[in-house]
Amino acid sequence: MDLLERARAIAACPLFADLAPAVLIRLAERARPSSLERGERKTTDDTVWIVVDGSLVIASQAAMNAMASISTTRRHGGTATRGHVLGLVRVIAPQTPALDAVAEQPSTVIGISVHDIRDVLEEDPVALAALSAALAKRLLEGGP
């Protein structure tokens, strides 16, 4: 996945859709794509994950055994599909429990370190405001 494909994938996420192209490129420069097979795991300990394709079952690490099955994780959490962002709250509240994510089918995700996202947003107050507005809108509307 090249730089422009990463930028397009980030822009396709509703939370990042209103960011300026230059901000999307800065995030894409720091992003690393990852292809997951069924059963592969990721955590939000220090990375924000954007689901590009596929489906991941997610649950708080505080509620789960690290090696729980997909079905057990689903019972204690939810599902993240294309356009979902995992771990973004840890950018501003690092004490928030991290999530475990398990691919329930072949999936593609993009990872950006919490520190890299924080750096980009600190450099650009307009981007921070746009992201805050998108997050508030999703919370008020009850959307993903």
N, C-alpha and C. Protein backbone atom coordinates (compact mmCIF):
# COMPACT_ATOMS: atom_id res chain seq x y z
N MET A 1 0.85 -1.17 0.00
CA MET A 1 0.00 0.00 0.00
C MET A 1 0.90 1.24 0.00
N ASP A 2 0.82 2.03 -1.07
CA ASP A 2 1.68 3.21 -1.17
C ASP A 2 1.09 4.39 -0.38
N LEU A 3 1.81 5.49 -0.38
CA LEU A 3 1.42 6.66 0.40
C LEU A 3 0.02 7.16 0.06
N LEU A 4 -0.29 7.29 -1.23
CA LEU A 4 -1.61 7.80 -1.61
C LEU A 4 -2.72 6.82 -1.26
N GLU A 5 -2.46 5.54 -1.37
CA GLU A 5 -3.47 4.55 -0.97
C GLU A 5 -3.72 4.63 0.54
N ARG A 6 -2.66 4.83 1.31
CA ARG A 6 -2.84 4.99 2.77
C ARG A 6 -3.63 6.25 3.06
N ALA A 7 -3.32 7.35 2.37
CA ALA A 7 -4.05 8.60 2.58
C ALA A 7 -5.53 8.44 2.22
N ARG A 8 -5.82 7.75 1.12
CA ARG A 8 -7.22 7.51 0.72
C ARG A 8 -7.94 6.65 1.75
N ALA A 9 -7.25 5.65 2.27
CA ALA A 9 -7.86 4.77 3.27
C ALA A 9 -8.16 5.54 4.55
N ILE A 10 -7.26 6.43 4.95
CA ILE A 10 -7.50 7.24 6.14
C ILE A 10 -8.67 8.20 5.88
N ALA A 11 -8.70 8.83 4.72
CA ALA A 11 -9.77 9.77 4.38
C ALA A 11 -11.13 9.08 4.29
N ALA A 12 -11.15 7.79 3.97
CA ALA A 12 -12.40 7.05 3.87
C ALA A 12 -13.03 6.79 5.24
N CYS A 13 -12.27 6.98 6.29
CA CYS A 13 -12.77 6.82 7.64
C CYS A 13 -13.57 8.07 8.01
N PRO A 14 -14.82 7.92 8.46
CA PRO A 14 -15.64 9.10 8.77
C PRO A 14 -15.00 10.08 9.75
N LEU A 15 -14.23 9.61 10.71
CA LEU A 15 -13.61 10.53 11.67
C LEU A 15 -12.55 11.41 11.03
N PHE A 16 -11.91 10.93 9.98
CA PHE A 16 -10.84 11.68 9.34
C PHE A 16 -11.25 12.33 8.02
N ALA A 17 -12.48 12.14 7.61
CA ALA A 17 -12.94 12.58 6.29
C ALA A 17 -12.82 14.09 6.06
N ASP A 18 -12.94 14.90 7.10
CA ASP A 18 -12.91 16.35 6.93
C ASP A 18 -11.53 16.97 7.14
N LEU A 19 -10.53 16.13 7.30
CA LEU A 19 -9.18 16.68 7.47
C LEU A 19 -8.64 17.16 6.13
N ALA A 20 -7.82 18.19 6.18
CA ALA A 20 -7.21 18.74 4.96
C ALA A 20 -6.29 17.69 4.33
N PRO A 21 -6.16 17.73 3.00
CA PRO A 21 -5.29 16.76 2.32
C PRO A 21 -3.86 16.73 2.88
N ALA A 22 -3.32 17.87 3.24
CA ALA A 22 -1.96 17.89 3.77
C ALA A 22 -1.86 17.13 5.10
N VAL A 23 -2.89 17.21 5.90
CA VAL A 23 -2.91 16.48 7.18
C VAL A 23 -3.03 14.98 6.91
N LEU A 24 -3.89 14.62 5.95
CA LEU A 24 -4.03 13.20 5.60
C LEU A 24 -2.70 12.62 5.12
N ILE A 25 -1.97 13.40 4.33
CA ILE A 25 -0.66 12.95 3.84
C ILE A 25 0.31 12.79 5.01
N ARG A 26 0.31 13.75 5.95
CA ARG A 26 1.21 13.63 7.11
C ARG A 26 0.89 12.38 7.93
N LEU A 27 -0.40 12.08 8.09
CA LEU A 27 -0.78 10.86 8.80
C LEU A 27 -0.37 9.62 8.00
N ALA A 28 -0.60 9.66 6.69
CA ALA A 28 -0.27 8.52 5.83
C ALA A 28 1.24 8.25 5.82
N GLU A 29 2.04 9.30 5.91
CA GLU A 29 3.50 9.12 5.95
C GLU A 29 3.92 8.33 7.18
N ARG A 30 3.15 8.48 8.25
CA ARG A 30 3.48 7.80 9.51
C ARG A 30 2.77 6.45 9.66
N ALA A 31 1.83 6.19 8.78
CA ALA A 31 1.00 4.99 8.87
C ALA A 31 1.71 3.76 8.32
N ARG A 32 1.38 2.62 8.90
CA ARG A 32 1.92 1.36 8.38
C ARG A 32 0.77 0.37 8.20
N PRO A 33 0.60 -0.13 6.99
CA PRO A 33 -0.47 -1.09 6.73
C PRO A 33 -0.10 -2.47 7.26
N SER A 34 -1.11 -3.22 7.57
CA SER A 34 -0.90 -4.58 8.06
C SER A 34 -2.03 -5.47 7.56
N SER A 35 -1.68 -6.59 6.95
CA SER A 35 -2.66 -7.57 6.52
C SER A 35 -2.77 -8.64 7.60
N LEU A 36 -3.98 -8.93 8.00
CA LEU A 36 -4.22 -9.90 9.07
C LEU A 36 -4.96 -11.11 8.53
N GLU A 37 -4.55 -12.26 8.97
CA GLU A 37 -5.29 -13.48 8.70
C GLU A 37 -6.25 -13.72 9.86
N ARG A 38 -7.24 -14.55 9.64
CA ARG A 38 -8.19 -14.87 10.70
C ARG A 38 -7.42 -15.31 11.95
N GLY A 39 -7.79 -14.72 13.09
CA GLY A 39 -7.18 -15.07 14.36
C GLY A 39 -6.00 -14.22 14.75
N GLU A 40 -5.42 -13.45 13.81
CA GLU A 40 -4.31 -12.56 14.17
C GLU A 40 -4.82 -11.42 15.03
N ARG A 41 -3.95 -10.94 15.92
CA ARG A 41 -4.34 -9.95 16.93
C ARG A 41 -3.55 -8.66 16.81
N LYS A 42 -4.20 -7.59 17.21
CA LYS A 42 -3.57 -6.28 17.36
C LYS A 42 -4.08 -5.71 18.68
N THR A 43 -3.32 -4.76 19.25
CA THR A 43 -3.78 -4.05 20.44
C THR A 43 -3.63 -2.56 20.21
N THR A 44 -4.32 -1.80 21.03
CA THR A 44 -4.21 -0.34 20.95
C THR A 44 -3.31 0.19 22.06
N ASP A 45 -2.38 -0.64 22.53
CA ASP A 45 -1.47 -0.19 23.59
C ASP A 45 -0.78 1.11 23.23
N ASP A 46 -0.23 1.17 22.02
CA ASP A 46 0.48 2.38 21.60
C ASP A 46 0.20 2.75 20.15
N THR A 47 -0.84 2.14 19.58
CA THR A 47 -1.16 2.35 18.17
C THR A 47 -2.65 2.55 17.98
N VAL A 48 -3.00 3.47 17.11
CA VAL A 48 -4.38 3.65 16.66
C VAL A 48 -4.51 2.85 15.37
N TRP A 49 -5.56 2.04 15.27
CA TRP A 49 -5.76 1.19 14.09
C TRP A 49 -7.00 1.64 13.34
N ILE A 50 -6.88 1.76 12.04
CA ILE A 50 -7.99 2.09 11.15
C ILE A 50 -8.29 0.84 10.34
N VAL A 51 -9.55 0.40 10.38
CA VAL A 51 -9.93 -0.79 9.62
C VAL A 51 -10.18 -0.38 8.18
N VAL A 52 -9.38 -0.91 7.28
CA VAL A 52 -9.48 -0.60 5.85
C VAL A 52 -10.40 -1.60 5.17
N ASP A 53 -10.31 -2.84 5.58
CA ASP A 53 -11.06 -3.91 4.94
C ASP A 53 -11.17 -5.06 5.93
N GLY A 54 -12.28 -5.78 5.89
CA GLY A 54 -12.43 -6.95 6.74
C GLY A 54 -13.20 -6.64 8.00
N SER A 55 -12.96 -7.44 9.02
CA SER A 55 -13.72 -7.34 10.26
C SER A 55 -12.88 -7.83 11.43
N LEU A 56 -12.88 -7.04 12.50
CA LEU A 56 -12.16 -7.42 13.72
C LEU A 56 -13.13 -7.43 14.89
N VAL A 57 -12.97 -8.40 15.76
CA VAL A 57 -13.73 -8.45 17.00
C VAL A 57 -12.89 -7.73 18.04
N ILE A 58 -13.51 -6.82 18.79
CA ILE A 58 -12.75 -5.99 19.74
C ILE A 58 -13.34 -6.09 21.14
N ALA A 59 -12.47 -5.94 22.13
CA ALA A 59 -12.90 -5.87 23.53
C ALA A 59 -11.80 -5.19 24.33
N SER A 60 -12.19 -4.62 25.43
CA SER A 60 -11.24 -3.97 26.32
C SER A 60 -10.32 -5.02 26.93
N GLN A 61 -9.03 -4.70 27.00
CA GLN A 61 -8.09 -5.61 27.64
C GLN A 61 -8.44 -5.82 29.10
N ALA A 62 -9.06 -4.82 29.72
CA ALA A 62 -9.44 -4.94 31.12
C ALA A 62 -10.50 -6.02 31.34
N ALA A 63 -11.26 -6.32 30.29
CA ALA A 63 -12.36 -7.29 30.41
C ALA A 63 -12.01 -8.67 29.88
N MET A 64 -10.83 -8.81 29.27
CA MET A 64 -10.54 -10.05 28.54
C MET A 64 -9.20 -10.66 28.91
N ASN A 65 -9.12 -11.97 28.73
CA ASN A 65 -7.87 -12.70 28.76
C ASN A 65 -7.19 -12.41 27.42
N ALA A 66 -5.91 -12.19 27.42
CA ALA A 66 -5.20 -11.81 26.19
C ALA A 66 -5.32 -12.84 25.08
N MET A 67 -5.58 -14.08 25.40
CA MET A 67 -5.64 -15.12 24.38
C MET A 67 -7.07 -15.65 24.21
N ALA A 68 -8.07 -14.86 24.54
CA ALA A 68 -9.47 -15.29 24.42
C ALA A 68 -9.81 -15.59 22.96
N SER A 69 -10.74 -16.49 22.77
CA SER A 69 -11.17 -16.84 21.42
C SER A 69 -11.96 -15.69 20.79
N ILE A 70 -12.19 -15.80 19.49
CA ILE A 70 -12.97 -14.78 18.79
C ILE A 70 -14.37 -14.71 19.37
N SER A 71 -15.01 -15.84 19.61
CA SER A 71 -16.38 -15.83 20.12
C SER A 71 -16.45 -15.25 21.54
N THR A 72 -15.47 -15.56 22.38
CA THR A 72 -15.45 -14.99 23.73
C THR A 72 -15.23 -13.49 23.67
N THR A 73 -14.31 -13.05 22.81
CA THR A 73 -14.05 -11.62 22.66
C THR A 73 -15.31 -10.91 22.18
N ARG A 74 -16.03 -11.50 21.23
CA ARG A 74 -17.26 -10.89 20.71
C ARG A 74 -18.30 -10.72 21.84
N ARG A 75 -18.42 -11.73 22.71
CA ARG A 75 -19.40 -11.64 23.81
C ARG A 75 -19.08 -10.48 24.75
N HIS A 76 -17.81 -10.12 24.88
CA HIS A 76 -17.41 -9.06 25.80
C HIS A 76 -17.17 -7.72 25.12
N GLY A 77 -17.33 -7.66 23.82
CA GLY A 77 -17.01 -6.42 23.10
C GLY A 77 -17.92 -6.19 21.92
N GLY A 78 -17.33 -5.95 20.78
CA GLY A 78 -18.10 -5.63 19.58
C GLY A 78 -17.29 -5.98 18.34
N THR A 79 -17.74 -5.43 17.22
CA THR A 79 -17.10 -5.69 15.94
C THR A 79 -16.72 -4.36 15.29
N ALA A 80 -15.54 -4.33 14.72
CA ALA A 80 -15.07 -3.16 13.97
C ALA A 80 -14.91 -3.55 12.51
N THR A 81 -15.52 -2.77 11.63
CA THR A 81 -15.45 -3.03 10.20
C THR A 81 -14.89 -1.80 9.49
N ARG A 82 -14.88 -1.84 8.18
CA ARG A 82 -14.32 -0.77 7.35
C ARG A 82 -14.72 0.61 7.88
N GLY A 83 -13.71 1.47 8.06
CA GLY A 83 -13.95 2.84 8.50
C GLY A 83 -13.91 3.05 10.00
N HIS A 84 -13.88 1.98 10.78
CA HIS A 84 -13.80 2.13 12.23
C HIS A 84 -12.37 2.45 12.65
N VAL A 85 -12.26 3.22 13.72
CA VAL A 85 -10.97 3.60 14.29
C VAL A 85 -10.90 3.01 15.69
N LEU A 86 -9.81 2.33 15.99
CA LEU A 86 -9.63 1.70 17.30
C LEU A 86 -8.51 2.40 18.06
N GLY A 87 -8.79 2.82 19.28
CA GLY A 87 -7.76 3.36 20.15
C GLY A 87 -7.52 4.85 20.07
N LEU A 88 -8.35 5.58 19.34
CA LEU A 88 -8.12 7.02 19.18
C LEU A 88 -8.21 7.76 20.52
N VAL A 89 -9.07 7.31 21.40
CA VAL A 89 -9.22 8.00 22.68
C VAL A 89 -7.91 7.98 23.48
N ARG A 90 -7.06 6.99 23.24
CA ARG A 90 -5.79 6.91 23.96
C ARG A 90 -4.81 8.02 23.55
N VAL A 91 -5.10 8.73 22.46
CA VAL A 91 -4.28 9.88 22.07
C VAL A 91 -4.40 10.97 23.13
N ILE A 92 -5.60 11.16 23.66
CA ILE A 92 -5.81 12.21 24.66
C ILE A 92 -5.98 11.68 26.08
N ALA A 93 -6.28 10.40 26.21
CA ALA A 93 -6.47 9.79 27.54
C ALA A 93 -5.74 8.45 27.59
N PRO A 94 -4.41 8.49 27.73
CA PRO A 94 -3.62 7.26 27.69
C PRO A 94 -3.96 6.25 28.77
N GLN A 95 -4.61 6.69 29.84
CA GLN A 95 -4.98 5.78 30.91
C GLN A 95 -6.19 4.91 30.55
N THR A 96 -6.86 5.22 29.43
CA THR A 96 -7.99 4.43 28.97
C THR A 96 -7.51 3.01 28.67
N PRO A 97 -8.25 1.99 29.14
CA PRO A 97 -7.82 0.62 28.85
C PRO A 97 -7.68 0.39 27.34
N ALA A 98 -6.61 -0.29 26.99
CA ALA A 98 -6.37 -0.62 25.58
C ALA A 98 -7.38 -1.67 25.12
N LEU A 99 -7.51 -1.78 23.81
CA LEU A 99 -8.38 -2.79 23.21
C LEU A 99 -7.55 -3.92 22.63
N ASP A 100 -8.12 -5.11 22.67
CA ASP A 100 -7.61 -6.23 21.90
C ASP A 100 -8.49 -6.35 20.68
N ALA A 101 -7.90 -6.57 19.53
CA ALA A 101 -8.65 -6.76 18.28
C ALA A 101 -8.17 -8.05 17.63
N VAL A 102 -9.14 -8.90 17.25
CA VAL A 102 -8.83 -10.18 16.63
C VAL A 102 -9.53 -10.23 15.28
N ALA A 103 -8.78 -10.50 14.23
CA ALA A 103 -9.38 -10.59 12.90
C ALA A 103 -10.29 -11.81 12.84
N GLU A 104 -11.56 -11.57 12.46
CA GLU A 104 -12.46 -12.71 12.32
C GLU A 104 -12.52 -13.19 10.88
N GLN A 105 -11.82 -12.48 10.01
CA GLN A 105 -11.66 -12.86 8.61
C GLN A 105 -10.42 -12.13 8.12
N PRO A 106 -9.89 -12.47 6.96
CA PRO A 106 -8.75 -11.71 6.45
C PRO A 106 -9.10 -10.21 6.41
N SER A 107 -8.22 -9.40 6.96
CA SER A 107 -8.50 -7.97 7.11
C SER A 107 -7.25 -7.15 6.85
N THR A 108 -7.47 -5.90 6.50
CA THR A 108 -6.38 -4.95 6.34
C THR A 108 -6.62 -3.79 7.28
N VAL A 109 -5.59 -3.42 8.02
CA VAL A 109 -5.67 -2.28 8.94
C VAL A 109 -4.47 -1.38 8.68
N ILE A 110 -4.61 -0.13 9.10
CA ILE A 110 -3.51 0.82 9.05
C ILE A 110 -3.24 1.25 10.48
N GLY A 111 -1.99 1.14 10.89
CA GLY A 111 -1.61 1.54 12.24
C GLY A 111 -0.83 2.84 12.23
N ILE A 112 -1.18 3.72 13.15
CA ILE A 112 -0.45 4.98 13.34
C ILE A 112 -0.19 5.09 14.83
N SER A 113 1.04 5.33 15.21
CA SER A 113 1.34 5.40 16.64
C SER A 113 0.57 6.55 17.29
N VAL A 114 0.22 6.34 18.53
CA VAL A 114 -0.48 7.37 19.31
C VAL A 114 0.34 8.66 19.31
N HIS A 115 1.64 8.53 19.46
CA HIS A 115 2.52 9.71 19.50
C HIS A 115 2.54 10.45 18.17
N ASP A 116 2.52 9.71 17.07
CA ASP A 116 2.51 10.36 15.75
C ASP A 116 1.21 11.12 15.52
N ILE A 117 0.08 10.54 15.91
CA ILE A 117 -1.19 11.26 15.75
C ILE A 117 -1.19 12.50 16.63
N ARG A 118 -0.73 12.37 17.86
CA ARG A 118 -0.68 13.52 18.77
C ARG A 118 0.21 14.62 18.17
N ASP A 119 1.36 14.25 17.60
CA ASP A 119 2.27 15.23 17.00
C ASP A 119 1.59 15.97 15.84
N VAL A 120 0.93 15.23 14.95
CA VAL A 120 0.26 15.85 13.80
C VAL A 120 -0.82 16.81 14.27
N LEU A 121 -1.61 16.40 15.26
CA LEU A 121 -2.69 17.26 15.74
C LEU A 121 -2.17 18.49 16.49
N GLU A 122 -1.07 18.33 17.20
CA GLU A 122 -0.48 19.48 17.90
C GLU A 122 0.08 20.49 16.91
N GLU A 123 0.55 20.02 15.76
CA GLU A 123 1.09 20.91 14.72
C GLU A 123 -0.01 21.68 13.99
N ASP A 124 -1.24 21.17 14.04
CA ASP A 124 -2.31 21.74 13.22
C ASP A 124 -3.61 21.85 14.02
N PRO A 125 -3.84 22.98 14.67
CA PRO A 125 -5.05 23.16 15.48
C PRO A 125 -6.35 23.02 14.66
N VAL A 126 -6.31 23.35 13.38
CA VAL A 126 -7.49 23.21 12.53
C VAL A 126 -7.83 21.72 12.37
N ALA A 127 -6.82 20.89 12.22
CA ALA A 127 -7.04 19.44 12.12
C ALA A 127 -7.60 18.90 13.43
N LEU A 128 -7.07 19.37 14.54
CA LEU A 128 -7.58 18.96 15.84
C LEU A 128 -9.05 19.34 16.00
N ALA A 129 -9.40 20.54 15.59
CA ALA A 129 -10.80 20.98 15.67
C ALA A 129 -11.70 20.16 14.77
N ALA A 130 -11.24 19.83 13.55
CA ALA A 130 -12.04 19.02 12.63
C ALA A 130 -12.25 17.62 13.18
N LEU A 131 -11.21 17.04 13.74
CA LEU A 131 -11.34 15.70 14.32
C LEU A 131 -12.26 15.73 15.54
N SER A 132 -12.14 16.75 16.36
CA SER A 132 -13.02 16.89 17.53
C SER A 132 -14.47 17.02 17.11
N ALA A 133 -14.72 17.81 16.08
CA ALA A 133 -16.09 17.99 15.59
C ALA A 133 -16.66 16.67 15.04
N ALA A 134 -15.84 15.93 14.30
CA ALA A 134 -16.30 14.65 13.75
C ALA A 134 -16.60 13.66 14.86
N LEU A 135 -15.75 13.63 15.87
CA LEU A 135 -15.97 12.73 17.00
C LEU A 135 -17.23 13.11 17.76
N ALA A 136 -17.42 14.40 18.01
CA ALA A 136 -18.63 14.85 18.72
C ALA A 136 -19.88 14.51 17.92
N LYS A 137 -19.84 14.69 16.63
CA LYS A 137 -20.98 14.36 15.78
C LYS A 137 -21.33 12.88 15.88
N ARG A 138 -20.31 12.01 15.81
CA ARG A 138 -20.55 10.56 15.90
C ARG A 138 -21.14 10.20 17.25
N LEU A 139 -20.61 10.82 18.32
CA LEU A 139 -21.11 10.51 19.66
C LEU A 139 -22.56 10.96 19.83
N LEU A 140 -22.88 12.13 19.32
CA LEU A 140 -24.25 12.66 19.45
C LEU A 140 -25.24 11.89 18.60
N GLU A 141 -24.78 11.40 17.44
CA GLU A 141 -25.66 10.65 16.55
C GLU A 141 -25.70 9.16 16.88
N GLY A 142 -24.78 8.73 17.74
CA GLY A 142 -24.73 7.32 18.09
C GLY A 142 -24.17 6.43 17.00
N GLY A 143 -23.42 7.01 16.07
CA GLY A 143 -22.84 6.24 14.96
C GLY A 143 -21.50 5.68 15.31
N PRO A 144 -20.92 4.90 14.38
CA PRO A 144 -19.60 4.29 14.61
C PRO A 144 -18.49 5.31 14.60
